[in-house]
N, C-alpha and C. Protein backbone atom coordinates (compact mmCIF):
# COMPACT_ATOMS: atom_id res chain seq x y z
N ALA A 1 71.00 100.31 68.86
CA ALA A 1 71.57 100.83 68.49
C ALA A 1 70.94 102.52 67.92
N ASP A 2 69.53 102.08 67.72
CA ASP A 2 69.34 103.40 67.16
C ASP A 2 69.06 104.39 68.33
N ALA A 3 68.88 104.26 69.17
CA ALA A 3 68.66 104.93 70.72
C ALA A 3 70.13 105.56 70.23
N GLU A 4 71.57 104.61 70.51
CA GLU A 4 72.62 105.58 70.41
C GLU A 4 73.02 106.42 69.82
N ALA A 5 72.50 106.11 68.26
CA ALA A 5 72.62 106.63 66.87
C ALA A 5 71.74 108.57 67.62
N LEU A 6 70.71 108.67 67.94
CA LEU A 6 70.23 109.58 68.68
C LEU A 6 70.98 110.09 70.02
N LEU A 7 71.45 109.72 70.63
CA LEU A 7 71.89 109.85 71.96
C LEU A 7 73.47 110.90 71.96
N VAL A 8 73.86 110.36 71.29
CA VAL A 8 75.70 110.22 71.10
C VAL A 8 75.55 111.78 70.46
N PRO A 9 74.91 112.36 69.21
CA PRO A 9 74.87 113.34 69.38
C PRO A 9 74.32 114.50 69.82
N ALA A 10 72.94 113.99 70.54
CA ALA A 10 72.46 114.84 71.40
C ALA A 10 73.19 115.08 73.07
N LEU A 11 74.38 113.90 73.08
CA LEU A 11 75.03 114.75 74.26
C LEU A 11 76.17 115.52 74.08
N THR A 12 76.47 115.08 72.84
CA THR A 12 77.11 116.48 72.09
C THR A 12 76.91 117.52 72.32
N ARG A 13 75.81 117.64 71.88
CA ARG A 13 74.88 119.23 71.71
C ARG A 13 74.91 119.57 73.28
N SER A 14 74.43 118.46 74.61
CA SER A 14 74.47 119.19 75.74
C SER A 14 74.52 118.35 76.75
N PRO A 15 76.08 118.26 76.73
CA PRO A 15 77.16 117.72 77.70
C PRO A 15 76.48 117.53 79.01
N GLY A 16 76.49 116.77 79.49
CA GLY A 16 76.36 116.76 81.23
C GLY A 16 74.68 116.67 81.23
N ASN A 17 73.64 116.32 79.91
CA ASN A 17 72.57 116.44 80.18
C ASN A 17 72.28 114.63 81.00
N PRO A 18 71.80 114.75 82.24
CA PRO A 18 71.45 113.74 82.83
C PRO A 18 70.36 112.90 81.98
N SER A 19 69.24 113.47 81.64
CA SER A 19 68.53 112.52 80.74
C SER A 19 69.40 111.52 80.10
N PHE A 20 70.04 112.29 78.91
CA PHE A 20 71.02 112.09 77.61
C PHE A 20 71.89 111.23 78.30
N THR A 21 72.78 111.30 79.00
CA THR A 21 73.63 110.88 79.73
C THR A 21 73.11 109.46 80.25
N ALA A 22 72.07 109.27 80.88
CA ALA A 22 71.33 107.65 81.65
C ALA A 22 71.32 106.52 80.81
N GLN A 23 70.17 107.49 79.74
CA GLN A 23 69.62 106.87 78.21
C GLN A 23 70.78 106.13 77.65
N LEU A 24 71.92 106.98 77.29
CA LEU A 24 72.95 106.72 76.84
C LEU A 24 73.69 105.28 77.56
N ALA A 25 73.61 105.35 78.71
CA ALA A 25 74.15 104.45 79.29
C ALA A 25 73.55 103.02 79.25
N GLU A 26 72.48 103.09 79.19
CA GLU A 26 71.23 102.10 79.58
C GLU A 26 71.43 101.52 77.70
N ALA A 27 71.77 102.19 76.71
CA ALA A 27 71.59 101.91 75.69
C ALA A 27 73.21 100.97 75.76
N TYR A 28 74.37 101.53 76.04
CA TYR A 28 75.50 101.03 75.51
C TYR A 28 75.15 99.76 76.99
N LEU A 29 74.18 99.54 77.65
CA LEU A 29 74.40 98.43 78.57
C LEU A 29 73.71 97.19 77.71
N ALA A 30 72.55 98.04 76.53
CA ALA A 30 71.63 96.56 76.61
C ALA A 30 72.61 96.52 74.82
N SER A 31 73.24 97.11 74.75
CA SER A 31 74.56 96.47 73.39
C SER A 31 74.79 95.50 73.24
N GLY A 32 75.03 94.25 74.75
CA GLY A 32 76.03 93.65 74.98
C GLY A 32 77.19 93.20 73.86
N ASP A 33 77.76 94.40 73.84
CA ASP A 33 79.13 94.62 73.58
C ASP A 33 80.23 95.53 74.46
N THR A 34 80.89 94.48 74.69
CA THR A 34 82.20 94.76 75.93
C THR A 34 82.66 96.36 75.92
N ALA A 35 83.21 96.63 74.99
CA ALA A 35 83.41 97.54 74.57
C ALA A 35 82.70 99.01 74.94
N LYS A 36 81.56 98.95 74.62
CA LYS A 36 80.62 99.61 74.59
C LYS A 36 79.94 99.88 75.92
N ILE A 37 79.86 98.65 76.91
CA ILE A 37 79.76 98.66 77.93
C ILE A 37 80.81 99.14 79.20
N ALA A 38 81.58 99.20 78.67
CA ALA A 38 82.91 99.71 79.24
C ALA A 38 82.36 101.44 79.31
N GLN A 39 82.07 101.75 78.29
CA GLN A 39 81.57 103.39 78.08
C GLN A 39 80.85 103.96 78.88
N ALA A 40 79.97 103.25 79.58
CA ALA A 40 78.77 103.35 80.55
C ALA A 40 79.49 104.12 81.89
N THR A 41 80.56 103.45 82.02
CA THR A 41 81.28 103.51 83.24
C THR A 41 81.58 104.82 83.84
N PRO A 42 81.96 105.87 82.63
CA PRO A 42 82.78 106.88 82.69
C PRO A 42 81.34 107.81 83.10
N LEU A 43 80.39 107.90 82.13
CA LEU A 43 79.41 108.32 82.05
C LEU A 43 78.41 108.32 83.19
N VAL A 44 78.52 106.93 83.66
CA VAL A 44 77.33 107.38 84.71
C VAL A 44 78.20 107.06 86.37
N GLU A 45 79.70 107.43 85.73
CA GLU A 45 80.42 107.82 87.31
C GLU A 45 80.31 109.25 87.45
N ALA A 46 79.84 109.92 86.10
CA ALA A 46 80.17 111.66 86.23
C ALA A 46 78.72 111.88 86.84
N LEU A 47 77.92 111.16 86.20
CA LEU A 47 76.50 111.86 86.84
C LEU A 47 76.21 111.71 88.23
N HIS A 48 76.85 110.36 88.30
CA HIS A 48 76.81 109.79 90.37
C HIS A 48 76.60 110.91 90.93
N ALA A 49 78.16 111.39 90.27
CA ALA A 49 78.84 112.80 91.18
C ALA A 49 78.45 114.00 91.30
N LYS A 50 77.37 113.77 90.07
CA LYS A 50 76.74 115.55 90.40
C LYS A 50 75.30 115.16 90.89
N VAL A 51 75.02 113.79 91.12
CA VAL A 51 73.30 113.86 91.74
C VAL A 51 73.54 112.71 92.91
N PRO A 52 74.48 112.58 93.57
CA PRO A 52 74.90 111.69 94.31
C PRO A 52 73.65 110.86 95.33
N ASP A 53 72.33 111.80 95.50
CA ASP A 53 71.53 111.42 95.95
C ASP A 53 70.09 111.07 95.42
N ASN A 54 70.43 110.80 94.01
CA ASN A 54 69.61 110.54 93.22
C ASN A 54 69.58 108.79 93.17
N ALA A 55 68.61 108.15 93.50
CA ALA A 55 68.27 106.28 94.13
C ALA A 55 69.12 106.10 92.45
N ASN A 56 67.72 106.41 91.52
CA ASN A 56 67.86 105.71 90.18
C ASN A 56 69.46 105.66 89.18
N VAL A 57 70.11 106.94 89.89
CA VAL A 57 71.20 107.06 88.72
C VAL A 57 72.26 105.96 89.99
N ALA A 58 72.36 105.92 91.14
CA ALA A 58 73.03 104.89 91.79
C ALA A 58 72.65 103.84 91.77
N ARG A 59 71.37 103.37 91.23
CA ARG A 59 71.42 102.34 90.96
C ARG A 59 71.77 102.01 89.68
N LEU A 60 71.85 102.37 88.38
CA LEU A 60 72.10 102.26 87.08
C LEU A 60 74.05 102.15 87.21
N LEU A 61 74.30 102.96 87.97
CA LEU A 61 75.76 103.03 87.96
C LEU A 61 76.22 101.58 89.07
N ALA A 62 75.37 100.59 90.29
CA ALA A 62 75.56 99.60 90.44
C ALA A 62 75.47 98.62 89.20
N ARG A 63 74.70 98.35 88.46
CA ARG A 63 74.24 97.76 87.27
C ARG A 63 75.34 97.99 86.58
N VAL A 64 76.00 99.03 85.76
CA VAL A 64 77.40 99.32 85.22
C VAL A 64 78.52 98.73 85.86
N TYR A 65 78.56 98.99 86.96
CA TYR A 65 79.44 97.77 87.90
C TYR A 65 79.72 96.58 88.12
N LEU A 66 78.40 96.31 88.07
CA LEU A 66 78.04 94.57 87.89
C LEU A 66 78.45 94.18 86.82
N GLU A 67 77.92 95.19 85.37
CA GLU A 67 78.39 94.34 84.24
C GLU A 67 79.70 94.44 83.79
N THR A 68 80.32 95.12 84.59
CA THR A 68 81.77 95.75 83.90
C THR A 68 82.64 94.62 84.75
N GLY A 69 82.24 93.91 85.63
CA GLY A 69 83.66 92.73 86.57
C GLY A 69 84.03 93.36 87.83
N HIS A 70 82.98 94.63 88.55
CA HIS A 70 83.51 95.26 89.94
C HIS A 70 82.36 94.91 90.72
N PRO A 71 81.79 93.63 91.19
CA PRO A 71 80.34 93.75 92.19
C PRO A 71 81.10 94.04 93.37
N ASP A 72 82.07 94.25 94.09
CA ASP A 72 82.62 94.76 95.05
C ASP A 72 81.91 96.24 94.82
N GLN A 73 82.46 96.66 94.29
CA GLN A 73 81.92 98.47 94.36
C GLN A 73 80.07 98.15 93.98
N ALA A 74 79.48 97.13 92.99
CA ALA A 74 78.02 97.34 92.84
C ALA A 74 77.21 96.83 94.28
N ASP A 75 78.03 96.08 95.19
CA ASP A 75 77.80 95.30 96.59
C ASP A 75 77.45 96.99 96.93
N THR A 76 78.55 97.85 97.42
CA THR A 76 78.33 98.87 98.16
C THR A 76 77.33 99.79 97.66
N LEU A 77 76.80 100.28 96.31
CA LEU A 77 76.00 100.67 96.34
C LEU A 77 74.55 100.12 96.38
N TYR A 78 74.57 99.09 95.77
CA TYR A 78 72.86 98.02 96.51
C TYR A 78 72.59 98.26 98.24
N ALA A 79 74.02 98.19 98.43
CA ALA A 79 73.65 97.89 99.84
C ALA A 79 73.07 99.22 100.89
N SER A 80 73.49 100.22 100.46
CA SER A 80 73.62 101.97 100.82
C SER A 80 71.68 102.13 100.04
N LEU A 81 71.28 101.56 98.94
CA LEU A 81 70.09 101.84 98.30
C LEU A 81 69.06 101.33 99.14
N ILE A 82 69.72 99.84 99.51
CA ILE A 82 68.40 98.86 100.55
C ILE A 82 67.75 99.67 102.07
N ALA A 83 69.36 100.16 102.36
CA ALA A 83 69.45 100.51 103.56
C ALA A 83 68.40 102.03 103.87
N ALA A 84 68.46 102.82 102.60
CA ALA A 84 67.40 103.68 102.66
C ALA A 84 66.30 103.42 102.44
N GLN A 85 65.86 102.13 102.49
CA GLN A 85 64.47 101.84 102.02
C GLN A 85 64.05 100.77 103.14
N THR A 86 63.99 101.24 104.39
CA THR A 86 63.89 100.39 105.63
C THR A 86 62.55 99.72 105.87
N ALA A 87 61.45 100.23 105.53
CA ALA A 87 60.02 100.00 105.65
C ALA A 87 60.08 98.12 104.99
N HIS A 88 59.87 98.66 103.18
CA HIS A 88 59.24 97.68 102.51
C HIS A 88 60.58 97.93 101.47
N PRO A 89 61.40 97.44 101.29
CA PRO A 89 62.19 96.91 100.25
C PRO A 89 62.26 96.80 98.95
N ASP A 90 62.32 97.37 97.87
CA ASP A 90 61.74 97.18 96.48
C ASP A 90 62.74 95.49 96.61
N PRO A 91 61.47 94.33 95.95
CA PRO A 91 62.16 93.23 95.89
C PRO A 91 63.17 93.16 94.56
N THR A 92 63.39 93.82 93.50
CA THR A 92 64.04 93.52 92.85
C THR A 92 65.31 94.60 93.11
N LEU A 93 65.43 95.42 93.92
CA LEU A 93 66.70 95.77 94.66
C LEU A 93 67.46 95.10 94.92
N LEU A 94 66.92 94.16 95.87
CA LEU A 94 66.54 92.97 96.93
C LEU A 94 67.56 91.90 96.03
N ASP A 95 66.91 91.61 94.96
CA ASP A 95 67.73 90.39 94.27
C ASP A 95 68.83 90.89 93.19
N ASP A 96 69.03 92.47 93.19
CA ASP A 96 69.94 93.22 92.50
C ASP A 96 71.03 92.69 92.98
N ARG A 97 71.03 93.02 94.44
CA ARG A 97 72.08 93.01 95.36
C ARG A 97 72.71 91.71 95.83
N ALA A 98 71.78 90.62 95.48
CA ALA A 98 71.79 89.14 95.45
C ALA A 98 72.64 88.81 94.57
N GLU A 99 72.54 89.19 93.18
CA GLU A 99 73.30 89.14 92.08
C GLU A 99 74.56 89.29 92.59
N ALA A 100 75.17 90.28 93.24
CA ALA A 100 76.43 91.30 93.16
C ALA A 100 76.56 89.83 94.04
N LEU A 101 76.29 90.05 95.50
CA LEU A 101 76.91 89.12 96.29
C LEU A 101 76.96 87.42 95.75
N LEU A 102 75.91 86.94 94.97
CA LEU A 102 76.51 85.62 94.35
C LEU A 102 77.91 85.72 93.41
N ARG A 103 77.73 87.16 92.64
CA ARG A 103 79.29 86.92 92.07
C ARG A 103 80.68 87.08 92.91
N LEU A 104 80.15 87.77 94.38
CA LEU A 104 81.21 88.00 95.12
C LEU A 104 81.48 86.47 96.22
N HIS A 105 80.87 85.52 95.23
CA HIS A 105 81.01 84.18 96.08
C HIS A 105 80.53 84.35 98.13
N ARG A 106 79.05 85.07 98.07
CA ARG A 106 78.48 84.90 99.50
C ARG A 106 77.23 84.52 99.34
N PRO A 107 77.06 83.40 98.71
CA PRO A 107 75.69 82.93 98.61
C PRO A 107 74.99 82.93 99.65
N GLY A 108 75.67 82.54 101.05
CA GLY A 108 74.66 82.95 102.33
C GLY A 108 73.67 83.77 102.55
N GLU A 109 74.54 85.26 102.08
CA GLU A 109 73.90 86.62 102.13
C GLU A 109 73.08 86.74 101.52
N ALA A 110 73.35 86.15 100.20
CA ALA A 110 72.60 86.62 98.62
C ALA A 110 70.75 85.57 99.17
N GLU A 111 71.27 84.32 99.74
CA GLU A 111 69.86 83.23 100.04
C GLU A 111 69.03 83.89 101.11
N LYS A 112 69.48 84.92 101.86
CA LYS A 112 68.89 85.72 103.01
C LYS A 112 67.74 86.51 102.16
N LEU A 113 68.48 87.18 101.32
CA LEU A 113 68.25 88.67 100.20
C LEU A 113 66.92 88.24 99.84
N LEU A 114 67.34 86.73 99.06
CA LEU A 114 66.33 86.11 98.41
C LEU A 114 64.93 85.82 99.11
N LYS A 115 65.48 84.84 100.02
CA LYS A 115 63.85 84.72 100.48
C LYS A 115 63.21 85.72 101.13
N GLN A 116 63.94 86.71 101.42
CA GLN A 116 63.18 87.95 101.86
C GLN A 116 62.19 88.77 100.29
N ALA A 117 62.89 88.78 99.54
CA ALA A 117 62.17 89.24 97.91
C ALA A 117 61.17 88.39 97.32
N VAL A 118 61.47 86.67 97.58
CA VAL A 118 60.20 86.32 96.76
C VAL A 118 59.18 86.01 97.84
N ALA A 119 59.31 86.86 99.19
CA ALA A 119 58.18 86.25 100.40
C ALA A 119 56.93 87.22 99.58
N ASP A 120 56.68 87.70 98.53
CA ASP A 120 55.71 89.24 97.90
C ASP A 120 55.90 88.78 96.66
N PRO A 121 55.31 87.64 96.13
CA PRO A 121 55.17 87.86 94.65
C PRO A 121 54.77 88.89 93.92
N ASP A 122 53.67 89.36 94.22
CA ASP A 122 52.76 90.46 94.23
C ASP A 122 53.21 91.73 94.04
N ALA A 123 54.54 91.70 94.60
CA ALA A 123 55.65 93.59 95.15
C ALA A 123 56.61 93.19 93.78
N PHE A 124 56.59 91.94 92.81
CA PHE A 124 57.36 92.62 91.70
C PHE A 124 56.64 93.04 90.66
N PRO A 125 57.59 94.12 89.82
CA PRO A 125 56.94 94.77 88.36
C PRO A 125 56.32 93.70 87.58
N SER A 126 56.74 92.33 87.66
CA SER A 126 56.24 91.40 86.78
C SER A 126 56.55 89.82 87.10
N ARG A 127 56.04 89.01 86.26
CA ARG A 127 55.92 87.79 86.52
C ARG A 127 57.68 87.18 86.15
N ASP A 128 58.35 87.34 85.47
CA ASP A 128 59.41 87.32 85.01
C ASP A 128 60.53 87.69 85.80
N ALA A 129 60.46 88.92 86.31
CA ALA A 129 61.40 89.39 87.53
C ALA A 129 60.90 88.35 88.50
N PHE A 130 59.69 87.91 88.81
CA PHE A 130 59.27 87.45 90.55
C PHE A 130 60.43 85.95 89.84
N GLY A 131 60.18 85.60 88.50
CA GLY A 131 60.83 84.09 88.17
C GLY A 131 62.14 84.47 88.48
N ASP A 132 63.15 85.65 88.00
CA ASP A 132 64.35 85.62 88.15
C ASP A 132 64.90 85.56 89.23
N ALA A 133 64.10 86.10 90.19
CA ALA A 133 64.86 86.20 91.63
C ALA A 133 64.85 84.69 92.36
N ALA A 134 63.65 83.85 91.95
CA ALA A 134 63.35 82.32 92.59
C ALA A 134 64.69 81.49 91.82
N THR A 135 64.64 82.33 90.53
CA THR A 135 65.95 81.67 89.93
C THR A 135 67.20 81.52 90.80
N HIS A 136 67.97 82.81 91.00
CA HIS A 136 68.61 83.58 91.81
C HIS A 136 68.93 82.50 92.87
N LEU A 137 67.26 82.52 93.82
CA LEU A 137 67.44 81.90 95.19
C LEU A 137 67.94 80.48 94.77
N ALA A 138 67.75 79.81 93.55
CA ALA A 138 67.87 78.29 93.82
C ALA A 138 69.16 78.13 93.50
N PHE A 139 69.84 78.71 93.02
CA PHE A 139 71.34 79.14 92.34
C PHE A 139 72.20 79.31 93.92
N ALA A 140 71.75 80.37 94.72
CA ALA A 140 72.01 80.51 95.89
C ALA A 140 71.92 79.47 96.84
N ALA A 141 71.12 79.19 97.02
CA ALA A 141 70.82 77.46 98.15
C ALA A 141 71.45 76.55 97.64
N ALA A 142 71.78 76.54 96.43
CA ALA A 142 72.65 75.14 95.51
C ALA A 142 74.10 75.42 96.21
N GLU A 143 74.62 76.92 96.00
CA GLU A 143 75.99 77.16 96.46
C GLU A 143 76.00 76.59 98.03
N ILE A 144 75.20 76.33 98.61
CA ILE A 144 75.66 76.59 100.15
C ILE A 144 74.94 75.19 100.53
N ASP A 145 74.70 74.07 99.32
CA ASP A 145 74.33 72.98 99.79
C ASP A 145 73.23 72.83 100.57
N ASP A 146 72.25 73.73 100.48
CA ASP A 146 70.48 73.77 100.95
C ASP A 146 69.31 73.21 99.60
N PRO A 147 69.67 71.82 99.38
CA PRO A 147 68.98 71.56 98.32
C PRO A 147 67.37 71.41 98.62
N ARG A 148 66.87 71.96 99.92
CA ARG A 148 65.53 71.75 100.16
C ARG A 148 65.35 73.02 99.56
N ILE A 149 65.93 74.10 99.75
CA ILE A 149 65.45 75.24 99.52
C ILE A 149 65.07 75.58 98.19
N THR A 150 66.79 75.04 97.47
CA THR A 150 66.46 74.95 95.80
C THR A 150 65.32 74.41 95.31
N LEU A 151 64.83 73.27 95.78
CA LEU A 151 63.21 73.00 95.31
C LEU A 151 62.38 73.59 95.33
N GLN A 152 62.42 74.25 96.54
CA GLN A 152 61.16 75.27 97.02
C GLN A 152 61.59 76.46 96.03
N ALA A 153 62.52 76.80 95.97
CA ALA A 153 62.18 78.08 94.96
C ALA A 153 62.13 77.74 93.20
N LEU A 154 62.75 76.74 92.86
CA LEU A 154 62.29 76.13 91.55
C LEU A 154 61.06 75.82 91.45
N ALA A 155 60.36 75.90 92.48
CA ALA A 155 58.70 75.33 92.34
C ALA A 155 58.34 76.47 92.58
N LEU A 156 58.95 77.83 92.84
CA LEU A 156 57.94 78.75 92.72
C LEU A 156 58.99 79.95 91.25
N ARG A 157 59.91 79.13 90.68
CA ARG A 157 60.16 79.50 89.23
C ARG A 157 58.89 79.53 88.44
N ALA A 158 58.84 77.80 88.84
CA ALA A 158 58.11 76.90 87.77
C ALA A 158 56.68 77.73 87.53
N LYS A 159 56.08 78.50 88.48
CA LYS A 159 54.99 78.93 88.43
C LYS A 159 54.12 80.19 87.24
N VAL A 160 55.76 80.72 87.19
CA VAL A 160 56.10 81.72 86.25
C VAL A 160 56.88 81.32 84.88
N GLN A 161 57.62 80.41 84.83
CA GLN A 161 58.56 80.46 83.82
C GLN A 161 58.96 79.02 83.47
N PRO A 162 58.81 78.66 82.28
CA PRO A 162 59.42 77.41 82.00
C PRO A 162 60.54 76.76 82.12
N PRO A 163 60.53 75.60 82.40
CA PRO A 163 62.18 74.72 82.62
C PRO A 163 63.03 75.06 81.67
N SER A 164 64.25 75.59 82.30
CA SER A 164 65.37 75.87 81.54
C SER A 164 66.60 74.90 81.48
N PRO A 165 67.75 74.32 80.58
CA PRO A 165 68.48 73.76 80.99
C PRO A 165 68.95 73.91 82.59
N SER A 166 69.11 75.04 82.90
CA SER A 166 69.50 75.54 84.32
C SER A 166 68.78 74.48 85.12
N SER A 167 67.75 74.99 85.12
CA SER A 167 66.90 75.32 86.44
C SER A 167 66.76 73.60 85.84
N LEU A 168 66.75 73.08 85.48
CA LEU A 168 66.41 71.53 85.19
C LEU A 168 67.99 70.91 86.23
N PHE A 169 68.83 71.03 85.95
CA PHE A 169 70.19 70.49 86.20
C PHE A 169 69.97 70.69 88.05
N LEU A 170 69.87 71.88 88.18
CA LEU A 170 69.74 72.32 89.57
C LEU A 170 68.78 71.36 90.14
N GLU A 171 67.33 71.42 89.74
CA GLU A 171 66.33 70.59 90.02
C GLU A 171 66.52 68.92 90.37
N ALA A 172 67.73 68.62 89.35
CA ALA A 172 68.09 67.04 89.17
C ALA A 172 69.03 66.92 90.22
N THR A 173 70.19 67.76 90.41
CA THR A 173 71.20 67.93 91.47
C THR A 173 70.49 67.87 92.75
N ALA A 174 69.59 68.57 93.13
CA ALA A 174 68.70 69.05 94.09
C ALA A 174 68.11 67.70 94.69
N ASN A 175 67.46 66.74 94.02
CA ASN A 175 66.79 65.48 94.54
C ASN A 175 67.59 64.64 94.43
N ASP A 176 69.29 64.82 93.84
CA ASP A 176 70.06 63.41 94.15
C ASP A 176 70.22 63.91 95.56
N ASP A 177 70.98 65.12 95.59
CA ASP A 177 71.25 65.52 97.17
C ASP A 177 70.48 64.65 98.40
N LEU A 178 69.26 64.81 97.84
CA LEU A 178 68.48 64.24 98.67
C LEU A 178 67.94 62.89 98.88
N HIS A 179 68.44 61.85 98.03
CA HIS A 179 68.41 60.92 97.52
C HIS A 179 67.03 59.97 96.66
N GLN A 180 66.32 61.20 95.91
CA GLN A 180 65.54 61.07 95.73
C GLN A 180 65.73 60.50 94.42
N SER A 181 66.58 59.11 93.97
CA SER A 181 67.20 58.74 93.12
C SER A 181 66.22 58.81 91.30
N SER A 182 65.32 58.20 91.94
CA SER A 182 64.52 58.37 90.48
C SER A 182 64.19 59.34 90.13
N LYS A 183 63.35 60.41 90.48
CA LYS A 183 63.37 61.65 90.06
C LYS A 183 64.47 62.22 89.42
N ALA A 184 65.70 61.68 90.28
CA ALA A 184 66.80 62.84 89.91
C ALA A 184 67.56 62.28 88.33
N ALA A 185 67.44 61.06 88.20
CA ALA A 185 67.58 60.28 87.18
C ALA A 185 66.61 60.84 85.90
N GLU A 186 65.44 61.15 86.27
CA GLU A 186 64.71 61.56 84.82
C GLU A 186 64.89 63.16 84.93
N LEU A 187 65.05 63.64 85.97
CA LEU A 187 66.00 65.08 85.73
C LEU A 187 66.80 65.28 85.02
N TYR A 188 67.78 64.43 85.30
CA TYR A 188 69.38 64.51 84.47
C TYR A 188 69.25 64.05 83.09
N LYS A 189 67.66 63.38 82.44
CA LYS A 189 67.73 63.09 81.16
C LYS A 189 67.18 64.15 80.28
N GLN A 190 66.01 64.72 81.36
CA GLN A 190 65.23 65.61 80.53
C GLN A 190 66.72 66.95 80.22
N PHE A 191 67.36 67.46 81.74
CA PHE A 191 68.63 68.30 81.51
C PHE A 191 69.56 68.17 80.38
N LEU A 192 69.57 66.59 79.99
CA LEU A 192 70.75 66.81 78.64
C LEU A 192 70.15 66.96 77.55
N ALA A 193 68.55 66.22 76.94
CA ALA A 193 67.62 66.83 76.28
C ALA A 193 67.75 67.95 75.68
N ALA A 194 67.34 68.66 77.26
CA ALA A 194 67.16 70.25 76.75
C ALA A 194 68.70 71.19 76.27
N SER A 195 69.39 70.47 77.02
CA SER A 195 71.15 71.24 77.01
C SER A 195 71.41 71.34 75.15
N GLY A 196 71.80 70.02 74.72
CA GLY A 196 71.99 70.02 73.64
C GLY A 196 73.53 70.82 73.56
N GLY A 197 74.26 70.26 74.58
CA GLY A 197 75.74 70.57 74.29
C GLY A 197 76.33 71.47 74.75
N LYS A 198 75.19 72.46 75.01
CA LYS A 198 75.54 74.05 75.43
C LYS A 198 76.01 74.27 77.07
N LEU A 199 76.00 73.45 77.79
CA LEU A 199 76.73 72.96 78.98
C LEU A 199 77.35 71.99 79.56
N PRO A 200 78.84 71.90 78.78
CA PRO A 200 79.55 70.61 78.54
C PRO A 200 79.99 70.23 79.99
N ASP A 201 80.05 70.81 81.36
CA ASP A 201 80.58 70.24 82.53
C ASP A 201 79.69 70.11 82.82
N GLN A 202 78.17 70.75 83.30
CA GLN A 202 77.36 69.87 83.68
C GLN A 202 76.78 68.28 82.93
N GLU A 203 76.71 68.45 81.75
CA GLU A 203 76.05 67.49 80.93
C GLU A 203 77.24 66.37 81.13
N SER A 204 78.60 66.70 81.43
CA SER A 204 79.42 65.53 81.88
C SER A 204 78.87 65.01 83.44
N GLN A 205 78.80 66.14 84.18
CA GLN A 205 78.08 65.60 85.38
C GLN A 205 77.18 64.73 85.41
N ALA A 206 75.96 64.92 84.75
CA ALA A 206 75.04 64.30 84.73
C ALA A 206 74.80 63.19 83.63
N ARG A 207 75.84 62.78 83.27
CA ARG A 207 76.33 61.45 82.37
C ARG A 207 76.61 60.60 83.36
N GLN A 208 78.00 61.20 84.28
CA GLN A 208 78.23 60.55 85.41
C GLN A 208 77.71 60.00 86.47
N ARG A 209 76.22 60.78 87.24
CA ARG A 209 75.66 60.71 87.91
C ARG A 209 74.53 59.48 87.08
N LEU A 210 74.29 59.92 85.97
CA LEU A 210 73.29 58.45 85.66
C LEU A 210 73.67 57.17 85.31
N ALA A 211 75.25 57.39 85.04
CA ALA A 211 75.53 55.83 85.09
C ALA A 211 75.75 55.31 86.76
N ALA A 212 75.92 56.45 87.55
CA ALA A 212 76.61 56.07 89.34
C ALA A 212 74.73 55.61 89.29
N LEU A 213 73.96 56.52 89.29
CA LEU A 213 72.17 55.40 89.59
C LEU A 213 71.94 54.61 88.98
N ALA A 214 72.17 54.29 87.98
CA ALA A 214 72.02 53.02 87.41
C ALA A 214 72.70 51.95 87.74
N HIS A 215 73.89 52.02 88.35
CA HIS A 215 74.92 51.04 89.05
C HIS A 215 74.39 50.85 90.54
N THR A 216 73.63 52.05 91.17
CA THR A 216 73.35 51.61 92.40
C THR A 216 71.49 51.01 92.36
N LYS A 217 71.24 50.52 91.04
CA LYS A 217 69.73 50.22 91.43
C LYS A 217 70.11 48.54 91.95
């Protein structure tokens, strides 16, 4: 909010200023306000039209499209950015495109990109960025019923991030799919304790599976 208060009048005095435009768009994206995030779209589209070869602006526009519910447009931009990095594509860029592909219900393509991304943890700018990519890989693998890759991805995530309700649920269902019943039951219990009513659909599924697993003992 403080940045926005400075940038709006600055951009009024210097219309079209690339730096002010990009920073204001980023402030809108960070606000969490749907209306403000929507305002970022015309700002960055206009900037991208002026500097179509600027990779940073293209990437910012892709993020804006993703946050405003247009993953198809985001994917087009991310794909072109990756194509320009033929030798060693930025793993965070691969992760970004995979997020767009997941929203487009194309998990197989997302999994392929994410496997490439997490192959070199040291290429990520931070441990959290690597953990996020590993989490996305776990989700992509779960979407295509690939529980072994889900567990491998979660093991990578566990090296840099603590368990979350979502990761516990993914780990539980993957073990369940692999008929590791005792492990799955323990993880379902951990998930229910951690979730605390925040994920009702998954909690309902976890309780059903716990009952089913108890019945098979």
